[in-house]
PDB file of N, CA and C in Angstrom:
ATOM      1  N   MET A   1       0.853  -1.207   0.000  1.00  0.00           N
ATOM      2  CA  MET A   1       0.000   0.000   0.000  1.00  0.00           C
ATOM      3  C   MET A   1       0.881   1.247   0.000  1.00  0.00           C
ATOM      4  N   GLU A   2       0.405   2.269  -0.684  1.00  0.00           N
ATOM      5  CA  GLU A   2       1.183   3.505  -0.734  1.00  0.00           C
ATOM      6  C   GLU A   2       0.278   4.695  -0.449  1.00  0.00           C
ATOM      7  N   LEU A   3       0.716   5.573   0.430  1.00  0.00           N
ATOM      8  CA  LEU A   3      -0.069   6.771   0.720  1.00  0.00           C
ATOM      9  C   LEU A   3       0.279   7.843  -0.292  1.00  0.00           C
ATOM     10  N   ILE A   4      -0.595   8.010  -1.283  1.00  0.00           N
ATOM     11  CA  ILE A   4      -0.319   8.998  -2.319  1.00  0.00           C
ATOM     12  C   ILE A   4      -1.526   9.892  -2.529  1.00  0.00           C
ATOM     13  N   THR A   5      -1.308  11.024  -3.178  1.00  0.00           N
ATOM     14  CA  THR A   5      -2.407  11.940  -3.456  1.00  0.00           C
ATOM     15  C   THR A   5      -2.841  11.777  -4.898  1.00  0.00           C
ATOM     16  N   GLY A   6      -4.150  11.745  -5.145  1.00  0.00           N
ATOM     17  CA  GLY A   6      -4.631  11.606  -6.506  1.00  0.00           C
ATOM     18  C   GLY A   6      -5.253  10.238  -6.739  1.00  0.00           C
ATOM     19  N   ALA A   7      -4.876   9.254  -5.962  1.00  0.00           N
ATOM     20  CA  ALA A   7      -5.412   7.905  -6.126  1.00  0.00           C
ATOM     21  C   ALA A   7      -6.905   7.901  -5.838  1.00  0.00           C
ATOM     22  N   THR A   8      -7.293   8.615  -4.769  1.00  0.00           N
ATOM     23  CA  THR A   8      -8.703   8.667  -4.400  1.00  0.00           C
ATOM     24  C   THR A   8      -9.219  10.087  -4.544  1.00  0.00           C
ATOM     25  N   GLY A   9      -8.402  10.948  -5.142  1.00  0.00           N
ATOM     26  CA  GLY A   9      -8.789  12.355  -5.268  1.00  0.00           C
ATOM     27  C   GLY A   9      -8.255  13.141  -4.091  1.00  0.00           C
ATOM     28  N   ILE A  10      -8.176  12.463  -2.951  1.00  0.00           N
ATOM     29  CA  ILE A  10      -7.642  13.083  -1.740  1.00  0.00           C
ATOM     30  C   ILE A  10      -6.524  12.175  -1.238  1.00  0.00           C
ATOM     31  N   VAL A  11      -5.859  12.569  -0.186  1.00  0.00           N
ATOM     32  CA  VAL A  11      -4.807  11.727   0.374  1.00  0.00           C
ATOM     33  C   VAL A  11      -5.426  10.428   0.874  1.00  0.00           C
ATOM     34  N   GLY A  12      -5.165   9.342   0.143  1.00  0.00           N
ATOM     35  CA  GLY A  12      -5.769   8.070   0.540  1.00  0.00           C
ATOM     36  C   GLY A  12      -4.804   6.925   0.353  1.00  0.00           C
ATOM     37  N   ILE A  13      -5.296   5.717   0.484  1.00  0.00           N
ATOM     38  CA  ILE A  13      -4.438   4.545   0.346  1.00  0.00           C
ATOM     39  C   ILE A  13      -4.558   3.963  -1.054  1.00  0.00           C
ATOM     40  N   HIS A  14      -3.435   3.820  -1.711  1.00  0.00           N
ATOM     41  CA  HIS A  14      -3.402   3.284  -3.063  1.00  0.00           C
ATOM     42  C   HIS A  14      -3.397   1.758  -2.982  1.00  0.00           C
ATOM     43  N   LEU A  15      -4.532   1.144  -3.356  1.00  0.00           N
ATOM     44  CA  LEU A  15      -4.628  -0.308  -3.267  1.00  0.00           C
ATOM     45  C   LEU A  15      -4.396  -0.976  -4.603  1.00  0.00           C
ATOM     46  N   LEU A  16      -4.091  -0.172  -5.640  1.00  0.00           N
ATOM     47  CA  LEU A  16      -3.880  -0.769  -6.960  1.00  0.00           C
ATOM     48  C   LEU A  16      -2.394  -1.020  -7.180  1.00  0.00           C
TER      49      LEU A  16
END
């Protein structure tokens, strides 16, 4: 998992 911005539109957890 990576904490990035843009994955969910907001600062969220990148599960892809």
